[in-house]
Amino acid sequence: VGPGNGGDLGGLEGADAHCQALAQAEYAGDHTWRAYLSTYGTNTTEGENARDRIGNGPWYNSKGVRIAPNVADLHGDIQRDRNLIYRETALDESGDLVNGRNRPEGTNNEHDILTGSDSHGRAVAGDSDRQNYTCNNWTYNGDDGLAMIGHHDRLSNGNTSWNSSHATAGCSLASFNSTGGSGRLYCFAGD
């Protein structure tokens, strides 16, 4: 789960620190953990692509199942769906299932995972109506922002991408909840 402040993760630095703290609590802090998040470029800063932040792989989930051997397979550069990110393998840091569209009765759907990325792990270009899909580079939690998300369980009425399914209704935690999320993010060991 994210730090609990909607889309305000404290920027990439805060999101990375959150991933590192989660890993440390589960005795996996001997790696450098990075949040799988893209940012858009501004007049004073360069944007970053999530795929360039997480190392070269291979990556394993918290139970030791290999998710992908390399960046190309993770993102389907050569062949789509070469990774193993699904509900049963996209576990949280404790090895527990994350609630998706299929979940215990009375619990919330949390399958929207923040990425700010297109399906190839690159920043989603803004359009004329909205400046960006990264909650202002992960520093904003208002209802009028947007974030691109993926579905960890690959279940949807249409797009089933693990990293680029649709935009949120806003950047507040309540907005995330309204579309099936709780501010979760993917964390990858970058070394």
Protein backbone atom coordinates (compact mmCIF):
# COMPACT_ATOMS: atom_id res chain seq x y z
CA VAL A 1 0.00 0.00 0.00
CA GLY A 2 1.13 3.54 -0.60
CA PRO A 3 1.91 5.96 2.23
CA GLY A 4 -1.80 6.80 2.62
CA ASN A 5 -1.86 10.34 1.30
CA GLY A 6 -3.50 9.71 -2.06
CA GLY A 7 -1.31 10.71 -5.00
CA ASP A 8 1.06 12.71 -2.79
CA LEU A 9 3.79 10.12 -2.32
CA GLY A 10 6.48 12.71 -1.63
CA GLY A 11 7.63 12.51 -5.24
CA LEU A 12 9.79 9.66 -6.49
CA GLU A 13 12.09 10.05 -3.49
CA GLY A 14 9.22 9.54 -1.05
CA ALA A 15 7.79 6.62 -3.03
CA ASP A 16 11.21 4.93 -3.16
CA ALA A 17 11.65 5.46 0.58
CA HIS A 18 8.23 3.89 1.15
CA CYS A 19 9.23 0.83 -0.90
CA GLN A 20 12.53 0.58 0.98
CA ALA A 21 10.74 0.78 4.35
CA LEU A 22 8.27 -1.95 3.36
CA ALA A 23 11.13 -4.18 2.26
CA GLN A 24 13.12 -3.44 5.43
CA ALA A 25 10.14 -4.45 7.58
CA GLU A 26 10.07 -7.81 5.76
CA TYR A 27 13.85 -8.38 6.07
CA ALA A 28 14.49 -7.65 2.39
CA GLY A 29 16.13 -4.26 2.89
CA ASP A 30 19.53 -5.46 1.68
CA HIS A 31 18.42 -4.49 -1.85
CA THR A 32 17.73 -1.03 -3.25
CA TRP A 33 13.98 -0.82 -3.77
CA ARG A 34 12.40 1.51 -6.30
CA ALA A 35 8.80 2.46 -6.90
CA TYR A 36 7.55 1.55 -10.37
CA LEU A 37 6.44 5.08 -11.26
CA SER A 38 6.96 7.39 -14.21
CA THR A 39 7.08 11.18 -14.05
CA TYR A 40 6.58 13.84 -16.70
CA GLY A 41 9.20 16.40 -17.60
CA THR A 42 8.82 20.08 -16.78
CA ASN A 43 10.74 23.20 -17.78
CA THR A 44 13.18 22.54 -14.93
CA THR A 45 13.22 18.74 -14.54
CA GLU A 46 13.51 15.72 -16.78
CA GLY A 47 10.79 13.12 -16.72
CA GLU A 48 11.57 9.55 -15.74
CA ASN A 49 10.22 6.30 -17.11
CA ALA A 50 9.33 3.57 -14.64
CA ARG A 51 11.09 0.94 -16.75
CA ASP A 52 14.37 2.86 -16.43
CA ARG A 53 14.18 3.09 -12.63
CA ILE A 54 13.98 -0.58 -11.62
CA GLY A 55 17.21 -2.19 -12.82
CA ASN A 56 17.58 -5.00 -15.33
CA GLY A 57 15.97 -7.94 -13.51
CA PRO A 58 15.30 -10.69 -12.86
CA TRP A 59 12.53 -9.87 -10.38
CA TYR A 60 10.83 -12.16 -7.89
CA ASN A 61 7.74 -11.72 -5.75
CA SER A 62 7.80 -11.97 -1.96
CA LYS A 63 7.35 -15.78 -2.19
CA GLY A 64 10.30 -16.26 -4.56
CA VAL A 65 8.30 -16.70 -7.79
CA ARG A 66 10.08 -15.14 -10.76
CA ILE A 67 7.90 -12.36 -12.20
CA ALA A 68 10.15 -11.50 -15.16
CA PRO A 69 13.75 -12.18 -16.17
CA ASN A 70 14.40 -8.78 -17.77
CA VAL A 71 12.94 -5.41 -18.75
CA ALA A 72 11.89 -6.59 -22.24
CA ASP A 73 9.88 -9.52 -20.88
CA LEU A 74 8.40 -7.44 -18.07
CA HIS A 75 7.02 -4.97 -20.61
CA GLY A 76 6.30 -7.31 -23.51
CA ASP A 77 8.72 -5.53 -25.83
CA ILE A 78 9.18 -8.64 -27.97
CA GLN A 79 6.06 -10.61 -27.06
CA ARG A 80 3.13 -9.38 -24.94
CA ASP A 81 2.29 -10.98 -21.59
CA ARG A 82 5.69 -12.54 -20.95
CA ASN A 83 5.64 -11.60 -17.28
CA LEU A 84 3.87 -13.30 -14.39
CA ILE A 85 2.04 -10.36 -12.86
CA TYR A 86 -1.41 -11.69 -11.97
CA ARG A 87 -3.55 -11.72 -8.83
CA GLU A 88 -1.91 -14.91 -7.56
CA THR A 89 1.64 -13.61 -8.04
CA ALA A 90 1.37 -9.82 -7.55
CA LEU A 91 1.58 -10.22 -3.79
CA ASP A 92 2.19 -7.56 -1.19
CA GLU A 93 5.44 -7.30 0.75
CA SER A 94 4.19 -9.85 3.31
CA GLY A 95 3.30 -12.43 0.65
CA ASP A 96 -0.44 -11.80 0.93
CA LEU A 97 -2.92 -11.50 -1.93
CA VAL A 98 -4.07 -7.99 -2.79
CA ASN A 99 -7.83 -7.62 -3.16
CA GLY A 100 -8.85 -7.45 -6.79
CA ARG A 101 -12.13 -7.72 -8.60
CA ASN A 102 -12.37 -11.26 -7.20
CA ARG A 103 -12.11 -10.79 -3.43
CA PRO A 104 -13.69 -11.74 -0.12
CA GLU A 105 -17.20 -10.37 0.29
CA GLY A 106 -17.32 -7.12 2.22
CA THR A 107 -13.80 -6.04 1.21
CA ASN A 108 -12.81 -3.30 -1.23
CA ASN A 109 -11.32 -3.79 -4.67
CA GLU A 110 -7.71 -2.55 -4.62
CA HIS A 111 -6.54 -3.69 -8.04
CA ASP A 112 -5.67 -0.19 -9.32
CA ILE A 113 -1.89 0.13 -8.91
CA LEU A 114 -0.33 3.57 -9.46
CA THR A 115 2.20 3.73 -12.32
CA GLY A 116 1.88 6.96 -14.36
CA SER A 117 3.03 4.78 -17.25
CA ASP A 118 2.00 3.44 -20.62
CA SER A 119 2.15 -0.32 -21.22
CA HIS A 120 5.84 -0.08 -22.11
CA GLY A 121 6.71 1.56 -18.80
CA ARG A 122 7.15 5.05 -20.16
CA ALA A 123 5.54 8.27 -18.93
CA VAL A 124 2.09 8.88 -20.35
CA ALA A 125 2.04 12.09 -22.36
CA GLY A 126 -0.37 14.72 -21.11
CA ASP A 127 -3.09 16.12 -23.31
CA SER A 128 -4.76 19.49 -23.69
CA ASP A 129 -7.38 18.83 -21.00
CA ARG A 130 -5.08 17.47 -18.31
CA GLN A 131 -1.45 18.22 -17.68
CA ASN A 132 -0.25 14.78 -16.60
CA TYR A 133 -1.13 11.30 -15.37
CA THR A 134 1.18 11.32 -12.34
CA CYS A 135 -0.67 13.37 -9.70
CA ASN A 136 1.80 16.17 -10.48
CA ASN A 137 4.80 13.88 -10.28
CA TRP A 138 3.45 12.15 -7.16
CA THR A 139 3.16 15.33 -5.08
CA TYR A 140 -0.59 16.06 -5.28
CA ASN A 141 -3.65 14.56 -3.60
CA GLY A 142 -6.52 16.73 -4.85
CA ASP A 143 -9.67 15.51 -6.55
CA ASP A 144 -8.86 17.29 -9.82
CA GLY A 145 -5.61 15.46 -10.68
CA LEU A 146 -5.11 12.18 -12.50
CA ALA A 147 -2.89 9.13 -12.31
CA MET A 148 -2.50 6.27 -14.76
CA ILE A 149 -2.91 2.90 -13.10
CA GLY A 150 -2.55 -0.77 -13.99
CA HIS A 151 -4.50 -3.79 -12.74
CA HIS A 152 -2.45 -6.28 -10.75
CA ASP A 153 -5.13 -8.95 -11.26
CA ARG A 154 -5.49 -8.23 -14.99
CA LEU A 155 -9.28 -8.13 -14.63
CA SER A 156 -11.21 -5.34 -16.29
CA ASN A 157 -14.08 -4.66 -18.62
CA GLY A 158 -11.55 -3.81 -21.31
CA ASN A 159 -7.86 -3.09 -20.87
CA THR A 160 -6.19 -5.76 -18.72
CA SER A 161 -2.70 -4.25 -18.56
CA TRP A 162 -0.77 -4.69 -15.31
CA ASN A 163 0.75 -1.20 -15.68
CA SER A 164 -1.53 0.92 -17.89
CA SER A 165 -5.27 0.25 -17.69
CA HIS A 166 -7.00 3.61 -17.14
CA ALA A 167 -6.76 6.92 -15.31
CA THR A 168 -8.05 7.49 -11.80
CA ALA A 169 -10.99 9.79 -11.05
CA GLY A 170 -8.67 12.12 -9.12
CA CYS A 171 -5.59 12.05 -6.89
CA SER A 172 -7.26 11.86 -3.48
CA LEU A 173 -7.55 8.55 -1.64
CA ALA A 174 -11.35 8.81 -2.00
CA SER A 175 -10.91 9.20 -5.78
CA PHE A 176 -8.65 6.15 -5.87
CA ASN A 177 -11.24 4.16 -3.90
CA SER A 178 -13.99 5.15 -6.36
CA THR A 179 -12.24 3.45 -9.30
CA GLY A 180 -10.95 0.36 -7.46
CA GLY A 181 -7.76 1.43 -5.75
CA SER A 182 -6.19 2.33 -2.43
CA GLY A 183 -3.02 4.10 -3.54
CA ARG A 184 -0.95 0.94 -3.93
CA LEU A 185 2.24 0.91 -5.98
CA TYR A 186 4.60 -1.72 -7.34
CA CYS A 187 8.04 -1.94 -5.74
CA PHE A 188 10.98 -3.57 -7.55
CA ALA A 189 14.47 -4.40 -6.31
CA GLY A 190 16.70 -2.40 -8.63
CA ASP A 191 19.90 -4.31 -7.92
